[in-house]
Amino acid sequence: MELHLPKSIKKFFWSLFPVILLLIGYNNIFNYWELPLFGFNELEDFGTLLFILGTSACESALVTVFLWWILESMKKILRKPNS
């Protein structure tokens, strides 16, 4: 099953995605995974950082699509004339 998103999301997605990625990535690195408490002296630590950033990117993409969906739904609801 493929998810086909409309072309109108492209501008919205790329304008909001980096901001959400920075916020979620910062939160994951410093609060959830607590990486500053551990050292970066092995290659495995770099892999952990890449894993955290990858999962943060997936989470950010999902949040961005949900925000777009909510905004589009609100636009449709507010455009309808009162019946």
N, C-alpha and C. Protein backbone atom coordinates (compact mmCIF):
# COMPACT_ATOMS: atom_id res chain seq x y z
N MET A 1 0.84 -1.18 0.00
CA MET A 1 0.00 0.00 0.00
C MET A 1 0.89 1.24 0.00
N GLU A 2 0.60 2.14 -0.91
CA GLU A 2 1.36 3.38 -0.98
C GLU A 2 0.51 4.53 -0.46
N LEU A 3 1.19 5.46 0.13
CA LEU A 3 0.52 6.66 0.61
C LEU A 3 0.81 7.77 -0.38
N HIS A 4 -0.21 8.24 -1.06
CA HIS A 4 -0.05 9.32 -2.02
C HIS A 4 -0.51 10.62 -1.38
N LEU A 5 0.42 11.52 -1.21
CA LEU A 5 0.09 12.82 -0.64
C LEU A 5 -0.07 13.84 -1.76
N PRO A 6 -0.94 14.81 -1.60
CA PRO A 6 -1.12 15.82 -2.64
C PRO A 6 0.12 16.70 -2.79
N LYS A 7 0.23 17.31 -3.95
CA LYS A 7 1.39 18.16 -4.23
C LYS A 7 1.39 19.43 -3.38
N SER A 8 0.24 19.80 -2.84
CA SER A 8 0.17 21.01 -2.04
C SER A 8 0.92 20.89 -0.71
N ILE A 9 1.24 19.67 -0.32
CA ILE A 9 1.94 19.49 0.96
C ILE A 9 3.43 19.79 0.84
N LYS A 10 3.97 19.79 -0.37
CA LYS A 10 5.42 19.93 -0.52
C LYS A 10 5.96 21.21 0.12
N LYS A 11 5.35 22.35 -0.20
CA LYS A 11 5.84 23.62 0.36
C LYS A 11 5.62 23.65 1.87
N PHE A 12 4.47 23.22 2.30
CA PHE A 12 4.16 23.19 3.73
C PHE A 12 5.13 22.26 4.46
N PHE A 13 5.36 21.08 3.89
CA PHE A 13 6.21 20.08 4.53
C PHE A 13 7.63 20.59 4.71
N TRP A 14 8.23 21.11 3.65
CA TRP A 14 9.63 21.51 3.72
C TRP A 14 9.84 22.82 4.47
N SER A 15 8.78 23.58 4.69
CA SER A 15 8.94 24.79 5.50
C SER A 15 8.81 24.48 6.99
N LEU A 16 8.09 23.43 7.33
CA LEU A 16 7.85 23.10 8.74
C LEU A 16 8.72 21.95 9.24
N PHE A 17 9.08 21.03 8.37
CA PHE A 17 9.83 19.83 8.77
C PHE A 17 11.15 20.13 9.47
N PRO A 18 12.00 21.04 8.96
CA PRO A 18 13.28 21.27 9.65
C PRO A 18 13.11 21.80 11.08
N VAL A 19 12.11 22.64 11.29
CA VAL A 19 11.88 23.20 12.63
C VAL A 19 11.46 22.08 13.59
N ILE A 20 10.53 21.26 13.14
CA ILE A 20 10.07 20.16 13.98
C ILE A 20 11.20 19.16 14.22
N LEU A 21 12.01 18.90 13.19
CA LEU A 21 13.14 17.98 13.35
C LEU A 21 14.13 18.50 14.39
N LEU A 22 14.42 19.78 14.37
CA LEU A 22 15.34 20.33 15.37
C LEU A 22 14.78 20.19 16.78
N LEU A 23 13.51 20.48 16.94
CA LEU A 23 12.90 20.40 18.28
C LEU A 23 12.84 18.96 18.78
N ILE A 24 12.38 18.06 17.94
CA ILE A 24 12.27 16.66 18.36
C ILE A 24 13.65 16.04 18.53
N GLY A 25 14.58 16.35 17.63
CA GLY A 25 15.94 15.83 17.75
C GLY A 25 16.62 16.29 19.03
N TYR A 26 16.48 17.56 19.33
CA TYR A 26 17.06 18.09 20.58
C TYR A 26 16.45 17.39 21.79
N ASN A 27 15.14 17.24 21.77
CA ASN A 27 14.46 16.59 22.89
C ASN A 27 14.90 15.14 23.04
N ASN A 28 15.01 14.43 21.92
CA ASN A 28 15.43 13.03 21.99
C ASN A 28 16.87 12.89 22.47
N ILE A 29 17.75 13.72 21.98
CA ILE A 29 19.18 13.59 22.32
C ILE A 29 19.44 13.96 23.78
N PHE A 30 18.87 15.07 24.23
CA PHE A 30 19.23 15.57 25.55
C PHE A 30 18.29 15.12 26.67
N ASN A 31 17.06 14.78 26.35
CA ASN A 31 16.13 14.40 27.42
C ASN A 31 15.84 12.91 27.47
N TYR A 32 15.50 12.32 26.32
CA TYR A 32 15.09 10.91 26.34
C TYR A 32 16.28 9.96 26.39
N TRP A 33 17.24 10.17 25.52
CA TRP A 33 18.37 9.25 25.46
C TRP A 33 19.51 9.65 26.38
N GLU A 34 19.53 10.88 26.83
CA GLU A 34 20.53 11.41 27.76
C GLU A 34 21.96 11.15 27.28
N LEU A 35 22.22 11.48 26.03
CA LEU A 35 23.54 11.25 25.46
C LEU A 35 24.67 12.04 26.12
N PRO A 36 24.42 13.25 26.63
CA PRO A 36 25.54 13.96 27.27
C PRO A 36 26.11 13.23 28.50
N LEU A 37 25.35 12.32 29.08
CA LEU A 37 25.86 11.58 30.24
C LEU A 37 26.87 10.51 29.85
N PHE A 38 26.87 10.12 28.58
CA PHE A 38 27.78 9.09 28.10
C PHE A 38 28.85 9.74 27.23
N GLY A 39 29.96 9.09 27.08
CA GLY A 39 31.04 9.62 26.25
C GLY A 39 30.89 9.23 24.80
N PHE A 40 31.60 9.94 23.94
CA PHE A 40 31.63 9.62 22.52
C PHE A 40 33.03 9.14 22.18
N ASN A 41 33.40 7.98 22.67
CA ASN A 41 34.75 7.49 22.43
C ASN A 41 34.77 6.20 21.62
N GLU A 42 33.63 5.75 21.15
CA GLU A 42 33.58 4.55 20.33
C GLU A 42 32.74 4.81 19.09
N LEU A 43 32.94 4.01 18.08
CA LEU A 43 32.17 4.15 16.85
C LEU A 43 30.70 3.83 17.09
N GLU A 44 30.43 2.99 18.06
CA GLU A 44 29.06 2.63 18.40
C GLU A 44 28.27 3.85 18.87
N ASP A 45 28.93 4.78 19.53
CA ASP A 45 28.26 5.99 20.00
C ASP A 45 27.79 6.85 18.83
N PHE A 46 28.59 6.89 17.78
CA PHE A 46 28.19 7.63 16.58
C PHE A 46 26.99 6.96 15.92
N GLY A 47 26.96 5.64 15.93
CA GLY A 47 25.81 4.90 15.39
C GLY A 47 24.55 5.16 16.19
N THR A 48 24.70 5.27 17.50
CA THR A 48 23.55 5.59 18.35
C THR A 48 23.01 6.98 18.02
N LEU A 49 23.91 7.92 17.81
CA LEU A 49 23.49 9.28 17.44
C LEU A 49 22.77 9.28 16.10
N LEU A 50 23.28 8.54 15.13
CA LEU A 50 22.61 8.44 13.82
C LEU A 50 21.25 7.78 13.94
N PHE A 51 21.15 6.76 14.78
CA PHE A 51 19.87 6.10 15.00
C PHE A 51 18.85 7.06 15.61
N ILE A 52 19.29 7.83 16.58
CA ILE A 52 18.39 8.80 17.22
C ILE A 52 17.94 9.85 16.22
N LEU A 53 18.86 10.34 15.41
CA LEU A 53 18.49 11.35 14.40
C LEU A 53 17.57 10.76 13.33
N GLY A 54 17.78 9.50 12.98
CA GLY A 54 16.90 8.85 12.00
C GLY A 54 15.49 8.67 12.52
N THR A 55 15.38 8.21 13.76
CA THR A 55 14.04 8.06 14.34
C THR A 55 13.39 9.42 14.57
N SER A 56 14.19 10.42 14.88
CA SER A 56 13.64 11.77 15.03
C SER A 56 13.12 12.30 13.70
N ALA A 57 13.81 12.00 12.61
CA ALA A 57 13.35 12.43 11.29
C ALA A 57 12.03 11.76 10.93
N CYS A 58 11.90 10.48 11.22
CA CYS A 58 10.64 9.78 10.94
C CYS A 58 9.51 10.35 11.78
N GLU A 59 9.79 10.59 13.03
CA GLU A 59 8.78 11.15 13.93
C GLU A 59 8.39 12.56 13.48
N SER A 60 9.35 13.34 13.05
CA SER A 60 9.09 14.70 12.58
C SER A 60 8.25 14.70 11.31
N ALA A 61 8.54 13.77 10.41
CA ALA A 61 7.75 13.67 9.18
C ALA A 61 6.30 13.32 9.51
N LEU A 62 6.11 12.42 10.44
CA LEU A 62 4.76 12.03 10.83
C LEU A 62 4.02 13.19 11.48
N VAL A 63 4.68 13.92 12.35
CA VAL A 63 4.07 15.07 13.00
C VAL A 63 3.72 16.14 11.97
N THR A 64 4.60 16.38 11.01
CA THR A 64 4.35 17.38 9.99
C THR A 64 3.14 17.01 9.13
N VAL A 65 3.03 15.76 8.74
CA VAL A 65 1.89 15.32 7.94
C VAL A 65 0.60 15.43 8.75
N PHE A 66 0.64 15.08 10.02
CA PHE A 66 -0.56 15.22 10.85
C PHE A 66 -0.96 16.68 11.01
N LEU A 67 0.00 17.57 11.18
CA LEU A 67 -0.32 19.00 11.27
C LEU A 67 -0.94 19.50 9.98
N TRP A 68 -0.39 19.07 8.85
CA TRP A 68 -0.95 19.47 7.56
C TRP A 68 -2.39 18.96 7.42
N TRP A 69 -2.62 17.71 7.83
CA TRP A 69 -3.95 17.12 7.74
C TRP A 69 -4.94 17.88 8.62
N ILE A 70 -4.53 18.25 9.82
CA ILE A 70 -5.41 19.00 10.72
C ILE A 70 -5.73 20.37 10.14
N LEU A 71 -4.72 21.06 9.61
CA LEU A 71 -4.96 22.38 9.03
C LEU A 71 -5.88 22.31 7.81
N GLU A 72 -5.68 21.32 6.96
CA GLU A 72 -6.54 21.17 5.79
C GLU A 72 -7.97 20.83 6.20
N SER A 73 -8.13 20.01 7.22
CA SER A 73 -9.47 19.68 7.71
C SER A 73 -10.16 20.91 8.28
N MET A 74 -9.41 21.71 9.01
CA MET A 74 -9.99 22.94 9.57
C MET A 74 -10.38 23.92 8.47
N LYS A 75 -9.57 24.01 7.42
CA LYS A 75 -9.91 24.89 6.30
C LYS A 75 -11.21 24.45 5.64
N LYS A 76 -11.37 23.14 5.45
CA LYS A 76 -12.60 22.63 4.83
C LYS A 76 -13.81 22.89 5.71
N ILE A 77 -13.66 22.73 7.00
CA ILE A 77 -14.77 22.95 7.92
C ILE A 77 -15.15 24.43 7.95
N LEU A 78 -14.17 25.30 7.96
CA LEU A 78 -14.45 26.73 8.04
C LEU A 78 -14.95 27.31 6.72
N ARG A 79 -14.66 26.67 5.59
CA ARG A 79 -15.12 27.14 4.29
C ARG A 79 -16.58 26.83 4.04
N LYS A 80 -17.11 25.79 4.66
CA LYS A 80 -18.49 25.40 4.42
C LYS A 80 -19.43 26.47 4.94
N PRO A 81 -20.40 26.87 4.12
CA PRO A 81 -21.37 27.85 4.62
C PRO A 81 -22.31 27.20 5.63
N ASN A 82 -22.85 28.01 6.49
CA ASN A 82 -23.78 27.48 7.50
C ASN A 82 -25.04 26.98 6.81
N SER A 83 -25.43 25.79 7.15
CA SER A 83 -26.61 25.19 6.50
C SER A 83 -27.85 25.47 7.29
